[in-house]
Amino acid sequence: MGRFKELRVWQDSMKLAEHIYGITRLGSFAKDFGLRNQIRRAAVSISSNIAEGDERATDKESIYYFNIAKGSTAEVITQLNIAYRIGYIDNNLFADLENKAEKIRASLKNLIAARKKN
């Protein structure tokens, strides 16, 4: 606990947030303030809740925040699907970002399982 910067899932979620900010600066995505702001908030929420969870005193508290991060990851996946379906991002970018988000979600599931064992 308390070493969230060393967690691979935190590092991966930071990279995902960077990608999300990058793609939402461009074209139609940049002008869609609602979707742009929502996906940005959800992406930032992932790493923020991982950090907060890792700083908590008990595994039970940590798991609570890791589950919030997992939910935020599902939000990002959903919003990426919307962005793809309405033409803001192409298939290759969508597939790449969705894959990264799915890996984060799987890592969070594993982290939660490991903390439940403690």
PDB file of N, CA and C in Angstrom:
ATOM      1  N   MET A   1       0.831  -1.192   0.000  1.00  0.00           N
ATOM      2  CA  MET A   1       0.000   0.000   0.000  1.00  0.00           C
ATOM      3  C   MET A   1       0.875   1.254   0.000  1.00  0.00           C
ATOM      4  N   GLY A   2       0.350   2.300  -0.590  1.00  0.00           N
ATOM      5  CA  GLY A   2       1.038   3.572  -0.589  1.00  0.00           C
ATOM      6  C   GLY A   2       2.127   3.699  -1.640  1.00  0.00           C
ATOM      7  N   ARG A   3       2.168   2.766  -2.558  1.00  0.00           N
ATOM      8  CA  ARG A   3       3.167   2.824  -3.619  1.00  0.00           C
ATOM      9  C   ARG A   3       2.477   2.768  -4.988  1.00  0.00           C
ATOM     10  N   PHE A   4       1.418   3.534  -5.111  1.00  0.00           N
ATOM     11  CA  PHE A   4       0.578   3.442  -6.301  1.00  0.00           C
ATOM     12  C   PHE A   4       1.325   3.738  -7.589  1.00  0.00           C
ATOM     13  N   LYS A   5       2.338   4.601  -7.543  1.00  0.00           N
ATOM     14  CA  LYS A   5       3.079   4.929  -8.761  1.00  0.00           C
ATOM     15  C   LYS A   5       3.828   3.724  -9.313  1.00  0.00           C
ATOM     16  N   GLU A   6       4.070   2.738  -8.479  1.00  0.00           N
ATOM     17  CA  GLU A   6       4.757   1.531  -8.918  1.00  0.00           C
ATOM     18  C   GLU A   6       3.798   0.491  -9.492  1.00  0.00           C
ATOM     19  N   LEU A   7       2.509   0.682  -9.291  1.00  0.00           N
ATOM     20  CA  LEU A   7       1.519  -0.263  -9.815  1.00  0.00           C
ATOM     21  C   LEU A   7       1.420  -0.122 -11.333  1.00  0.00           C
ATOM     22  N   ARG A   8       1.583  -1.223 -12.035  1.00  0.00           N
ATOM     23  CA  ARG A   8       1.495  -1.212 -13.501  1.00  0.00           C
ATOM     24  C   ARG A   8       0.132  -0.686 -13.953  1.00  0.00           C
ATOM     25  N   VAL A   9      -0.928  -1.054 -13.249  1.00  0.00           N
ATOM     26  CA  VAL A   9      -2.272  -0.625 -13.635  1.00  0.00           C
ATOM     27  C   VAL A   9      -2.413   0.894 -13.507  1.00  0.00           C
ATOM     28  N   TRP A  10      -1.770   1.497 -12.517  1.00  0.00           N
ATOM     29  CA  TRP A  10      -1.805   2.959 -12.388  1.00  0.00           C
ATOM     30  C   TRP A  10      -1.055   3.586 -13.560  1.00  0.00           C
ATOM     31  N   GLN A  11       0.124   3.052 -13.882  1.00  0.00           N
ATOM     32  CA  GLN A  11       0.921   3.569 -14.994  1.00  0.00           C
ATOM     33  C   GLN A  11       0.153   3.457 -16.314  1.00  0.00           C
ATOM     34  N   ASP A  12      -0.478   2.310 -16.527  1.00  0.00           N
ATOM     35  CA  ASP A  12      -1.257   2.112 -17.752  1.00  0.00           C
ATOM     36  C   ASP A  12      -2.448   3.063 -17.819  1.00  0.00           C
ATOM     37  N   SER A  13      -3.089   3.295 -16.682  1.00  0.00           N
ATOM     38  CA  SER A  13      -4.249   4.199 -16.681  1.00  0.00           C
ATOM     39  C   SER A  13      -3.823   5.647 -16.914  1.00  0.00           C
ATOM     40  N   MET A  14      -2.636   6.010 -16.476  1.00  0.00           N
ATOM     41  CA  MET A  14      -2.128   7.356 -16.769  1.00  0.00           C
ATOM     42  C   MET A  14      -1.892   7.524 -18.274  1.00  0.00           C
ATOM     43  N   LYS A  15      -1.327   6.490 -18.897  1.00  0.00           N
ATOM     44  CA  LYS A  15      -1.102   6.536 -20.349  1.00  0.00           C
ATOM     45  C   LYS A  15      -2.422   6.609 -21.105  1.00  0.00           C
ATOM     46  N   LEU A  16      -3.420   5.868 -20.637  1.00  0.00           N
ATOM     47  CA  LEU A  16      -4.730   5.917 -21.288  1.00  0.00           C
ATOM     48  C   LEU A  16      -5.318   7.323 -21.191  1.00  0.00           C
ATOM     49  N   ALA A  17      -5.216   7.933 -20.025  1.00  0.00           N
ATOM     50  CA  ALA A  17      -5.735   9.299 -19.861  1.00  0.00           C
ATOM     51  C   ALA A  17      -5.029  10.268 -20.813  1.00  0.00           C
ATOM     52  N   GLU A  18      -3.734  10.107 -20.965  1.00  0.00           N
ATOM     53  CA  GLU A  18      -2.989  10.947 -21.914  1.00  0.00           C
ATOM     54  C   GLU A  18      -3.527  10.770 -23.332  1.00  0.00           C
ATOM     55  N   HIS A  19      -3.764   9.521 -23.734  1.00  0.00           N
ATOM     56  CA  HIS A  19      -4.315   9.247 -25.065  1.00  0.00           C
ATOM     57  C   HIS A  19      -5.691   9.879 -25.229  1.00  0.00           C
ATOM     58  N   ILE A  20      -6.510   9.734 -24.201  1.00  0.00           N
ATOM     59  CA  ILE A  20      -7.868  10.299 -24.262  1.00  0.00           C
ATOM     60  C   ILE A  20      -7.805  11.816 -24.434  1.00  0.00           C
ATOM     61  N   TYR A  21      -6.948  12.470 -23.662  1.00  0.00           N
ATOM     62  CA  TYR A  21      -6.809  13.921 -23.819  1.00  0.00           C
ATOM     63  C   TYR A  21      -6.326  14.272 -25.220  1.00  0.00           C
ATOM     64  N   GLY A  22      -5.414  13.469 -25.755  1.00  0.00           N
ATOM     65  CA  GLY A  22      -4.908  13.729 -27.097  1.00  0.00           C
ATOM     66  C   GLY A  22      -5.983  13.641 -28.165  1.00  0.00           C
ATOM     67  N   ILE A  23      -6.772  12.582 -28.131  1.00  0.00           N
ATOM     68  CA  ILE A  23      -7.784  12.415 -29.189  1.00  0.00           C
ATOM     69  C   ILE A  23      -8.947  13.387 -29.036  1.00  0.00           C
ATOM     70  N   THR A  24      -9.209  13.840 -27.820  1.00  0.00           N
ATOM     71  CA  THR A  24     -10.346  14.746 -27.625  1.00  0.00           C
ATOM     72  C   THR A  24      -9.988  16.202 -27.916  1.00  0.00           C
ATOM     73  N   ARG A  25      -8.752  16.450 -28.314  1.00  0.00           N
ATOM     74  CA  ARG A  25      -8.335  17.796 -28.734  1.00  0.00           C
ATOM     75  C   ARG A  25      -8.566  18.017 -30.226  1.00  0.00           C
ATOM     76  N   LEU A  26      -8.944  16.956 -30.918  1.00  0.00           N
ATOM     77  CA  LEU A  26      -8.960  16.998 -32.376  1.00  0.00           C
ATOM     78  C   LEU A  26     -10.367  16.960 -32.970  1.00  0.00           C
ATOM     79  N   GLY A  27     -10.525  17.607 -34.097  1.00  0.00           N
ATOM     80  CA  GLY A  27     -11.718  17.509 -34.925  1.00  0.00           C
ATOM     81  C   GLY A  27     -13.042  17.685 -34.215  1.00  0.00           C
ATOM     82  N   SER A  28     -13.992  16.869 -34.618  1.00  0.00           N
ATOM     83  CA  SER A  28     -15.344  16.946 -34.069  1.00  0.00           C
ATOM     84  C   SER A  28     -15.373  16.610 -32.586  1.00  0.00           C
ATOM     85  N   PHE A  29     -14.482  15.727 -32.145  1.00  0.00           N
ATOM     86  CA  PHE A  29     -14.442  15.347 -30.733  1.00  0.00           C
ATOM     87  C   PHE A  29     -14.191  16.585 -29.860  1.00  0.00           C
ATOM     88  N   ALA A  30     -13.332  17.469 -30.328  1.00  0.00           N
ATOM     89  CA  ALA A  30     -12.992  18.670 -29.560  1.00  0.00           C
ATOM     90  C   ALA A  30     -14.201  19.588 -29.393  1.00  0.00           C
ATOM     91  N   LYS A  31     -15.113  19.546 -30.357  1.00  0.00           N
ATOM     92  CA  LYS A  31     -16.280  20.437 -30.326  1.00  0.00           C
ATOM     93  C   LYS A  31     -17.466  19.853 -29.578  1.00  0.00           C
ATOM     94  N   ASP A  32     -17.427  18.558 -29.312  1.00  0.00           N
ATOM     95  CA  ASP A  32     -18.508  17.888 -28.584  1.00  0.00           C
ATOM     96  C   ASP A  32     -18.186  17.952 -27.092  1.00  0.00           C
ATOM     97  N   PHE A  33     -18.523  19.089 -26.502  1.00  0.00           N
ATOM     98  CA  PHE A  33     -18.119  19.359 -25.119  1.00  0.00           C
ATOM     99  C   PHE A  33     -18.641  18.321 -24.134  1.00  0.00           C
ATOM    100  N   GLY A  34     -19.837  17.829 -24.346  1.00  0.00           N
ATOM    101  CA  GLY A  34     -20.416  16.858 -23.428  1.00  0.00           C
ATOM    102  C   GLY A  34     -19.641  15.553 -23.400  1.00  0.00           C
ATOM    103  N   LEU A  35     -19.490  14.926 -24.566  1.00  0.00           N
ATOM    104  CA  LEU A  35     -18.775  13.651 -24.635  1.00  0.00           C
ATOM    105  C   LEU A  35     -17.296  13.846 -24.312  1.00  0.00           C
ATOM    106  N   ARG A  36     -16.717  14.912 -24.818  1.00  0.00           N
ATOM    107  CA  ARG A  36     -15.304  15.186 -24.561  1.00  0.00           C
ATOM    108  C   ARG A  36     -15.026  15.287 -23.066  1.00  0.00           C
ATOM    109  N   ASN A  37     -15.819  16.080 -22.367  1.00  0.00           N
ATOM    110  CA  ASN A  37     -15.599  16.262 -20.933  1.00  0.00           C
ATOM    111  C   ASN A  37     -15.894  14.986 -20.150  1.00  0.00           C
ATOM    112  N   GLN A  38     -16.910  14.253 -20.548  1.00  0.00           N
ATOM    113  CA  GLN A  38     -17.280  13.029 -19.838  1.00  0.00           C
ATOM    114  C   GLN A  38     -16.191  11.969 -19.951  1.00  0.00           C
ATOM    115  N   ILE A  39     -15.660  11.753 -21.142  1.00  0.00           N
ATOM    116  CA  ILE A  39     -14.626  10.730 -21.307  1.00  0.00           C
ATOM    117  C   ILE A  39     -13.338  11.155 -20.615  1.00  0.00           C
ATOM    118  N   ARG A  40     -13.053  12.444 -20.629  1.00  0.00           N
ATOM    119  CA  ARG A  40     -11.865  12.923 -19.908  1.00  0.00           C
ATOM    120  C   ARG A  40     -12.008  12.687 -18.407  1.00  0.00           C
ATOM    121  N   ARG A  41     -13.159  13.031 -17.857  1.00  0.00           N
ATOM    122  CA  ARG A  41     -13.380  12.832 -16.411  1.00  0.00           C
ATOM    123  C   ARG A  41     -13.282  11.354 -16.044  1.00  0.00           C
ATOM    124  N   ALA A  42     -13.872  10.496 -16.863  1.00  0.00           N
ATOM    125  CA  ALA A  42     -13.833   9.061 -16.580  1.00  0.00           C
ATOM    126  C   ALA A  42     -12.398   8.539 -16.653  1.00  0.00           C
ATOM    127  N   ALA A  43     -11.639   8.997 -17.645  1.00  0.00           N
ATOM    128  CA  ALA A  43     -10.247   8.543 -17.783  1.00  0.00           C
ATOM    129  C   ALA A  43      -9.397   8.990 -16.599  1.00  0.00           C
ATOM    130  N   VAL A  44      -9.589  10.217 -16.160  1.00  0.00           N
ATOM    131  CA  VAL A  44      -8.846  10.730 -14.998  1.00  0.00           C
ATOM    132  C   VAL A  44      -9.265   9.989 -13.731  1.00  0.00           C
ATOM    133  N   SER A  45     -10.504   9.620 -13.648  1.00  0.00           N
ATOM    134  CA  SER A  45     -11.029   8.923 -12.474  1.00  0.00           C
ATOM    135  C   SER A  45     -10.362   7.569 -12.255  1.00  0.00           C
ATOM    136  N   ILE A  46      -9.953   6.909 -13.326  1.00  0.00           N
ATOM    137  CA  ILE A  46      -9.339   5.586 -13.189  1.00  0.00           C
ATOM    138  C   ILE A  46      -8.072   5.677 -12.345  1.00  0.00           C
ATOM    139  N   SER A  47      -7.108   6.446 -12.798  1.00  0.00           N
ATOM    140  CA  SER A  47      -5.833   6.536 -12.068  1.00  0.00           C
ATOM    141  C   SER A  47      -6.010   7.212 -10.712  1.00  0.00           C
ATOM    142  N   SER A  48      -6.906   8.167 -10.622  1.00  0.00           N
ATOM    143  CA  SER A  48      -7.142   8.859  -9.348  1.00  0.00           C
ATOM    144  C   SER A  48      -7.668   7.901  -8.287  1.00  0.00           C
ATOM    145  N   ASN A  49      -8.599   7.042  -8.665  1.00  0.00           N
ATOM    146  CA  ASN A  49      -9.155   6.097  -7.693  1.00  0.00           C
ATOM    147  C   ASN A  49      -8.198   4.956  -7.369  1.00  0.00           C
ATOM    148  N   ILE A  50      -7.350   4.584  -8.307  1.00  0.00           N
ATOM    149  CA  ILE A  50      -6.309   3.604  -7.992  1.00  0.00           C
ATOM    150  C   ILE A  50      -5.374   4.189  -6.942  1.00  0.00           C
ATOM    151  N   ALA A  51      -4.961   5.430  -7.149  1.00  0.00           N
ATOM    152  CA  ALA A  51      -4.067   6.084  -6.191  1.00  0.00           C
ATOM    153  C   ALA A  51      -4.737   6.211  -4.826  1.00  0.00           C
ATOM    154  N   GLU A  52      -5.969   6.683  -4.815  1.00  0.00           N
ATOM    155  CA  GLU A  52      -6.665   6.844  -3.535  1.00  0.00           C
ATOM    156  C   GLU A  52      -6.847   5.498  -2.842  1.00  0.00           C
ATOM    157  N   GLY A  53      -7.211   4.487  -3.594  1.00  0.00           N
ATOM    158  CA  GLY A  53      -7.393   3.166  -3.008  1.00  0.00           C
ATOM    159  C   GLY A  53      -6.116   2.613  -2.421  1.00  0.00           C
ATOM    160  N   ASP A  54      -5.014   2.818  -3.118  1.00  0.00           N
ATOM    161  CA  ASP A  54      -3.749   2.283  -2.630  1.00  0.00           C
ATOM    162  C   ASP A  54      -3.269   3.006  -1.372  1.00  0.00           C
ATOM    163  N   GLU A  55      -3.725   4.203  -1.172  1.00  0.00           N
ATOM    164  CA  GLU A  55      -3.332   4.971   0.013  1.00  0.00           C
ATOM    165  C   GLU A  55      -4.210   4.680   1.232  1.00  0.00           C
ATOM    166  N   ARG A  56      -5.267   3.937   1.061  1.00  0.00           N
ATOM    167  CA  ARG A  56      -6.177   3.638   2.165  1.00  0.00           C
ATOM    168  C   ARG A  56      -5.562   2.664   3.154  1.00  0.00           C
ATOM    169  N   ALA A  57      -6.060   2.701   4.373  1.00  0.00           N
ATOM    170  CA  ALA A  57      -5.467   1.947   5.475  1.00  0.00           C
ATOM    171  C   ALA A  57      -5.803   0.457   5.455  1.00  0.00           C
ATOM    172  N   THR A  58      -6.927   0.102   4.861  1.00  0.00           N
ATOM    173  CA  THR A  58      -7.329  -1.306   4.883  1.00  0.00           C
ATOM    174  C   THR A  58      -7.590  -1.803   3.462  1.00  0.00           C
ATOM    175  N   ASP A  59      -7.483  -3.114   3.309  1.00  0.00           N
ATOM    176  CA  ASP A  59      -7.786  -3.711   2.009  1.00  0.00           C
ATOM    177  C   ASP A  59      -9.239  -3.478   1.623  1.00  0.00           C
ATOM    178  N   LYS A  60     -10.137  -3.498   2.605  1.00  0.00           N
ATOM    179  CA  LYS A  60     -11.557  -3.271   2.314  1.00  0.00           C
ATOM    180  C   LYS A  60     -11.763  -1.890   1.704  1.00  0.00           C
ATOM    181  N   GLU A  61     -11.118  -0.885   2.276  1.00  0.00           N
ATOM    182  CA  GLU A  61     -11.225   0.467   1.731  1.00  0.00           C
ATOM    183  C   GLU A  61     -10.586   0.537   0.340  1.00  0.00           C
ATOM    184  N   SER A  62      -9.434  -0.104   0.195  1.00  0.00           N
ATOM    185  CA  SER A  62      -8.744  -0.096  -1.096  1.00  0.00           C
ATOM    186  C   SER A  62      -9.619  -0.700  -2.180  1.00  0.00           C
ATOM    187  N   ILE A  63     -10.220  -1.826  -1.882  1.00  0.00           N
ATOM    188  CA  ILE A  63     -11.072  -2.516  -2.847  1.00  0.00           C
ATOM    189  C   ILE A  63     -12.227  -1.622  -3.299  1.00  0.00           C
ATOM    190  N   TYR A  64     -12.791  -0.864  -2.379  1.00  0.00           N
ATOM    191  CA  TYR A  64     -13.878   0.050  -2.715  1.00  0.00           C
ATOM    192  C   TYR A  64     -13.443   1.001  -3.844  1.00  0.00           C
ATOM    193  N   TYR A  65     -12.275   1.607  -3.697  1.00  0.00           N
ATOM    194  CA  TYR A  65     -11.797   2.562  -4.694  1.00  0.00           C
ATOM    195  C   TYR A  65     -11.353   1.872  -5.983  1.00  0.00           C
ATOM    196  N   PHE A  66     -10.793   0.680  -5.869  1.00  0.00           N
ATOM    197  CA  PHE A  66     -10.414  -0.054  -7.070  1.00  0.00           C
ATOM    198  C   PHE A  66     -11.655  -0.417  -7.888  1.00  0.00           C
ATOM    199  N   ASN A  67     -12.758  -0.706  -7.205  1.00  0.00           N
ATOM    200  CA  ASN A  67     -14.015  -0.971  -7.921  1.00  0.00           C
ATOM    201  C   ASN A  67     -14.541   0.277  -8.609  1.00  0.00           C
ATOM    202  N   ILE A  68     -14.381   1.422  -7.987  1.00  0.00           N
ATOM    203  CA  ILE A  68     -14.774   2.672  -8.651  1.00  0.00           C
ATOM    204  C   ILE A  68     -13.924   2.870  -9.907  1.00  0.00           C
ATOM    205  N   ALA A  69     -12.624   2.608  -9.793  1.00  0.00           N
ATOM    206  CA  ALA A  69     -11.733   2.724 -10.955  1.00  0.00           C
ATOM    207  C   ALA A  69     -12.169   1.771 -12.067  1.00  0.00           C
ATOM    208  N   LYS A  70     -12.571   0.554 -11.681  1.00  0.00           N
ATOM    209  CA  LYS A  70     -13.041  -0.426 -12.673  1.00  0.00           C
ATOM    210  C   LYS A  70     -14.308   0.083 -13.357  1.00  0.00           C
ATOM    211  N   GLY A  71     -15.197   0.694 -12.595  1.00  0.00           N
ATOM    212  CA  GLY A  71     -16.405   1.275 -13.174  1.00  0.00           C
ATOM    213  C   GLY A  71     -16.086   2.415 -14.121  1.00  0.00           C
ATOM    214  N   SER A  72     -15.122   3.241 -13.757  1.00  0.00           N
ATOM    215  CA  SER A  72     -14.709   4.336 -14.642  1.00  0.00           C
ATOM    216  C   SER A  72     -14.101   3.801 -15.924  1.00  0.00           C
ATOM    217  N   THR A  73     -13.412   2.675 -15.832  1.00  0.00           N
ATOM    218  CA  THR A  73     -12.852   2.046 -17.030  1.00  0.00           C
ATOM    219  C   THR A  73     -13.978   1.602 -17.965  1.00  0.00           C
ATOM    220  N   ALA A  74     -15.033   1.046 -17.399  1.00  0.00           N
ATOM    221  CA  ALA A  74     -16.190   0.652 -18.206  1.00  0.00           C
ATOM    222  C   ALA A  74     -16.838   1.876 -18.857  1.00  0.00           C
ATOM    223  N   GLU A  75     -16.857   3.000 -18.137  1.00  0.00           N
ATOM    224  CA  GLU A  75     -17.368   4.245 -18.724  1.00  0.00           C
ATOM    225  C   GLU A  75     -16.543   4.651 -19.939  1.00  0.00           C
ATOM    226  N   VAL A  76     -15.223   4.615 -19.804  1.00  0.00           N
ATOM    227  CA  VAL A  76     -14.348   4.987 -20.918  1.00  0.00           C
ATOM    228  C   VAL A  76     -14.590   4.062 -22.112  1.00  0.00           C
ATOM    229  N   ILE A  77     -14.713   2.770 -21.860  1.00  0.00           N
ATOM    230  CA  ILE A  77     -14.971   1.818 -22.944  1.00  0.00           C
ATOM    231  C   ILE A  77     -16.282   2.168 -23.647  1.00  0.00           C
ATOM    232  N   THR A  78     -17.305   2.468 -22.878  1.00  0.00           N
ATOM    233  CA  THR A  78     -18.600   2.842 -23.453  1.00  0.00           C
ATOM    234  C   THR A  78     -18.490   4.119 -24.273  1.00  0.00           C
ATOM    235  N   GLN A  79     -17.804   5.116 -23.745  1.00  0.00           N
ATOM    236  CA  GLN A  79     -17.674   6.393 -24.447  1.00  0.00           C
ATOM    237  C   GLN A  79     -16.801   6.273 -25.696  1.00  0.00           C
ATOM    238  N   LEU A  80     -15.807   5.390 -25.652  1.00  0.00           N
ATOM    239  CA  LEU A  80     -15.030   5.115 -26.866  1.00  0.00           C
ATOM    240  C   LEU A  80     -15.913   4.476 -27.937  1.00  0.00           C
ATOM    241  N   ASN A  81     -16.781   3.574 -27.525  1.00  0.00           N
ATOM    242  CA  ASN A  81     -17.728   2.954 -28.463  1.00  0.00           C
ATOM    243  C   ASN A  81     -18.617   4.010 -29.103  1.00  0.00           C
ATOM    244  N   ILE A  82     -19.098   4.936 -28.308  1.00  0.00           N
ATOM    245  CA  ILE A  82     -19.939   6.018 -28.842  1.00  0.00           C
ATOM    246  C   ILE A  82     -19.142   6.859 -29.832  1.00  0.00           C
ATOM    247  N   ALA A  83     -17.923   7.246 -29.429  1.00  0.00           N
ATOM    248  CA  ALA A  83     -17.069   8.073 -30.300  1.00  0.00           C
ATOM    249  C   ALA A  83     -16.809   7.370 -31.629  1.00  0.00           C
ATOM    250  N   TYR A  84     -16.599   6.079 -31.587  1.00  0.00           N
ATOM    251  CA  TYR A  84     -16.378   5.317 -32.814  1.00  0.00           C
ATOM    252  C   TYR A  84     -17.648   5.277 -33.664  1.00  0.00           C
ATOM    253  N   ARG A  85     -18.770   4.988 -33.031  1.00  0.00           N
ATOM    254  CA  ARG A  85     -20.027   4.838 -33.772  1.00  0.00           C
ATOM    255  C   ARG A  85     -20.487   6.128 -34.438  1.00  0.00           C
ATOM    256  N   ILE A  86     -20.126   7.266 -33.849  1.00  0.00           N
ATOM    257  CA  ILE A  86     -20.550   8.536 -34.452  1.00  0.00           C
ATOM    258  C   ILE A  86     -19.444   9.169 -35.303  1.00  0.00           C
ATOM    259  N   GLY A  87     -18.341   8.427 -35.482  1.00  0.00           N
ATOM    260  CA  GLY A  87     -17.324   8.852 -36.432  1.00  0.00           C
ATOM    261  C   GLY A  87     -16.237   9.768 -35.906  1.00  0.00           C
ATOM    262  N   TYR A  88     -16.094   9.899 -34.595  1.00  0.00           N
ATOM    263  CA  TYR A  88     -15.038  10.755 -34.054  1.00  0.00           C
ATOM    264  C   TYR A  88     -13.669  10.089 -34.100  1.00  0.00           C
ATOM    265  N   ILE A  89     -13.634   8.760 -34.028  1.00  0.00           N
ATOM    266  CA  ILE A  89     -12.375   8.024 -34.102  1.00  0.00           C
ATOM    267  C   ILE A  89     -12.531   6.868 -35.084  1.00  0.00           C
ATOM    268  N   ASP A  90     -11.419   6.497 -35.705  1.00  0.00           N
ATOM    269  CA  ASP A  90     -11.483   5.405 -36.677  1.00  0.00           C
ATOM    270  C   ASP A  90     -11.359   4.053 -35.981  1.00  0.00           C
ATOM    271  N   ASN A  91     -11.544   2.999 -36.754  1.00  0.00           N
ATOM    272  CA  ASN A  91     -11.560   1.643 -36.221  1.00  0.00           C
ATOM    273  C   ASN A  91     -10.244   1.261 -35.536  1.00  0.00           C
ATOM    274  N   ASN A  92      -9.116   1.615 -36.144  1.00  0.00           N
ATOM    275  CA  ASN A  92      -7.820   1.245 -35.570  1.00  0.00           C
ATOM    276  C   ASN A  92      -7.592   1.908 -34.224  1.00  0.00           C
ATOM    277  N   LEU A  93      -7.888   3.181 -34.136  1.00  0.00           N
ATOM    278  CA  LEU A  93      -7.718   3.901 -32.876  1.00  0.00           C
ATOM    279  C   LEU A  93      -8.678   3.366 -31.819  1.00  0.00           C
ATOM    280  N   PHE A  94      -9.916   3.140 -32.237  1.00  0.00           N
ATOM    281  CA  PHE A  94     -10.905   2.584 -31.318  1.00  0.00           C
ATOM    282  C   PHE A  94     -10.434   1.243 -30.764  1.00  0.00           C
ATOM    283  N   ALA A  95     -10.007   0.344 -31.644  1.00  0.00           N
ATOM    284  CA  ALA A  95      -9.572  -0.989 -31.218  1.00  0.00           C
ATOM    285  C   ALA A  95      -8.380  -0.901 -30.268  1.00  0.00           C
ATOM    286  N   ASP A  96      -7.438  -0.032 -30.561  1.00  0.00           N
ATOM    287  CA  ASP A  96      -6.252   0.126 -29.719  1.00  0.00           C
ATOM    288  C   ASP A  96      -6.623   0.638 -28.325  1.00  0.00           C
ATOM    289  N   LEU A  97      -7.426   1.682 -28.272  1.00  0.00           N
ATOM    290  CA  LEU A  97      -7.795   2.268 -26.973  1.00  0.00           C
ATOM    291  C   LEU A  97      -8.722   1.352 -26.181  1.00  0.00           C
ATOM    292  N   GLU A  98      -9.636   0.684 -26.866  1.00  0.00           N
ATOM    293  CA  GLU A  98     -10.513  -0.245 -26.163  1.00  0.00           C
ATOM    294  C   GLU A  98      -9.692  -1.399 -25.578  1.00  0.00           C
ATOM    295  N   ASN A  99      -8.725  -1.887 -26.322  1.00  0.00           N
ATOM    296  CA  ASN A  99      -7.857  -2.959 -25.838  1.00  0.00           C
ATOM    297  C   ASN A  99      -7.076  -2.513 -24.596  1.00  0.00           C
ATOM    298  N   LYS A 100      -6.540  -1.306 -24.629  1.00  0.00           N
ATOM    299  CA  LYS A 100      -5.813  -0.779 -23.470  1.00  0.00           C
ATOM    300  C   LYS A 100      -6.735  -0.669 -22.251  1.00  0.00           C
ATOM    301  N   ALA A 101      -7.937  -0.198 -22.474  1.00  0.00           N
ATOM    302  CA  ALA A 101      -8.897  -0.061 -21.367  1.00  0.00           C
ATOM    303  C   ALA A 101      -9.302  -1.432 -20.829  1.00  0.00           C
ATOM    304  N   GLU A 102      -9.499  -2.404 -21.704  1.00  0.00           N
ATOM    305  CA  GLU A 102      -9.853  -3.754 -21.259  1.00  0.00           C
ATOM    306  C   GLU A 102      -8.734  -4.378 -20.431  1.00  0.00           C
ATOM    307  N   LYS A 103      -7.488  -4.122 -20.801  1.00  0.00           N
ATOM    308  CA  LYS A 103      -6.350  -4.625 -20.026  1.00  0.00           C
ATOM    309  C   LYS A 103      -6.327  -3.991 -18.637  1.00  0.00           C
ATOM    310  N   ILE A 104      -6.640  -2.720 -18.557  1.00  0.00           N
ATOM    311  CA  ILE A 104      -6.712  -2.037 -17.262  1.00  0.00           C
ATOM    312  C   ILE A 104      -7.818  -2.649 -16.414  1.00  0.00           C
ATOM    313  N   ARG A 105      -8.962  -2.885 -17.037  1.00  0.00           N
ATOM    314  CA  ARG A 105     -10.087  -3.484 -16.314  1.00  0.00           C
ATOM    315  C   ARG A 105      -9.719  -4.860 -15.770  1.00  0.00           C
ATOM    316  N   ALA A 106      -9.047  -5.664 -16.587  1.00  0.00           N
ATOM    317  CA  ALA A 106      -8.620  -6.999 -16.155  1.00  0.00           C
ATOM    318  C   ALA A 106      -7.591  -6.897 -15.025  1.00  0.00           C
ATOM    319  N   SER A 107      -6.679  -5.949 -15.125  1.00  0.00           N
ATOM    320  CA  SER A 107      -5.678  -5.755 -14.071  1.00  0.00           C
ATOM    321  C   SER A 107      -6.334  -5.341 -12.765  1.00  0.00           C
ATOM    322  N   LEU A 108      -7.347  -4.503 -12.853  1.00  0.00           N
ATOM    323  CA  LEU A 108      -8.065  -4.090 -11.646  1.00  0.00           C
ATOM    324  C   LEU A 108      -8.789  -5.271 -11.012  1.00  0.00           C
ATOM    325  N   LYS A 109      -9.382  -6.118 -11.837  1.00  0.00           N
ATOM    326  CA  LYS A 109     -10.035  -7.325 -11.303  1.00  0.00           C
ATOM    327  C   LYS A 109      -9.026  -8.182 -10.547  1.00  0.00           C
ATOM    328  N   ASN A 110      -7.830  -8.332 -11.105  1.00  0.00           N
ATOM    329  CA  ASN A 110      -6.785  -9.109 -10.445  1.00  0.00           C
ATOM    330  C   ASN A 110      -6.303  -8.445  -9.159  1.00  0.00           C
ATOM    331  N   LEU A 111      -6.165  -7.146  -9.183  1.00  0.00           N
ATOM    332  CA  LEU A 111      -5.744  -6.409  -7.990  1.00  0.00           C
ATOM    333  C   LEU A 111      -6.781  -6.549  -6.879  1.00  0.00           C
ATOM    334  N   ILE A 112      -8.034  -6.449  -7.242  1.00  0.00           N
ATOM    335  CA  ILE A 112      -9.120  -6.603  -6.265  1.00  0.00           C
ATOM    336  C   ILE A 112      -9.092  -8.012  -5.676  1.00  0.00           C
ATOM    337  N   ALA A 113      -8.938  -9.009  -6.530  1.00  0.00           N
ATOM    338  CA  ALA A 113      -8.880 -10.392  -6.052  1.00  0.00           C
ATOM    339  C   ALA A 113      -7.707 -10.608  -5.093  1.00  0.00           C
ATOM    340  N   ALA A 114      -6.567 -10.019  -5.425  1.00  0.00           N
ATOM    341  CA  ALA A 114      -5.390 -10.163  -4.554  1.00  0.00           C
ATOM    342  C   ALA A 114      -5.610  -9.491  -3.206  1.00  0.00           C
ATOM    343  N   ARG A 115      -6.251  -8.345  -3.219  1.00  0.00           N
ATOM    344  CA  ARG A 115      -6.508  -7.637  -1.954  1.00  0.00           C
ATOM    345  C   ARG A 115      -7.563  -8.357  -1.128  1.00  0.00           C
ATOM    346  N   LYS A 116      -8.483  -9.041  -1.779  1.00  0.00           N
ATOM    347  CA  LYS A 116      -9.504  -9.804  -1.034  1.00  0.00           C
ATOM    348  C   LYS A 116      -8.889 -10.975  -0.292  1.00  0.00           C
ATOM    349  N   LYS A 117      -7.786 -11.508  -0.817  1.00  0.00           N
ATOM    350  CA  LYS A 117      -7.115 -12.634  -0.167  1.00  0.00           C
ATOM    351  C   LYS A 117      -6.419 -12.231   1.124  1.00  0.00           C
ATOM    352  N   ASN A 118      -6.052 -10.955   1.244  1.00  0.00           N
ATOM    353  CA  ASN A 118      -5.326 -10.489   2.437  1.00  0.00           C
ATOM    354  C   ASN A 118      -6.179 -10.453   3.671  1.00  0.00           C
TER     355      ASN A 118
END
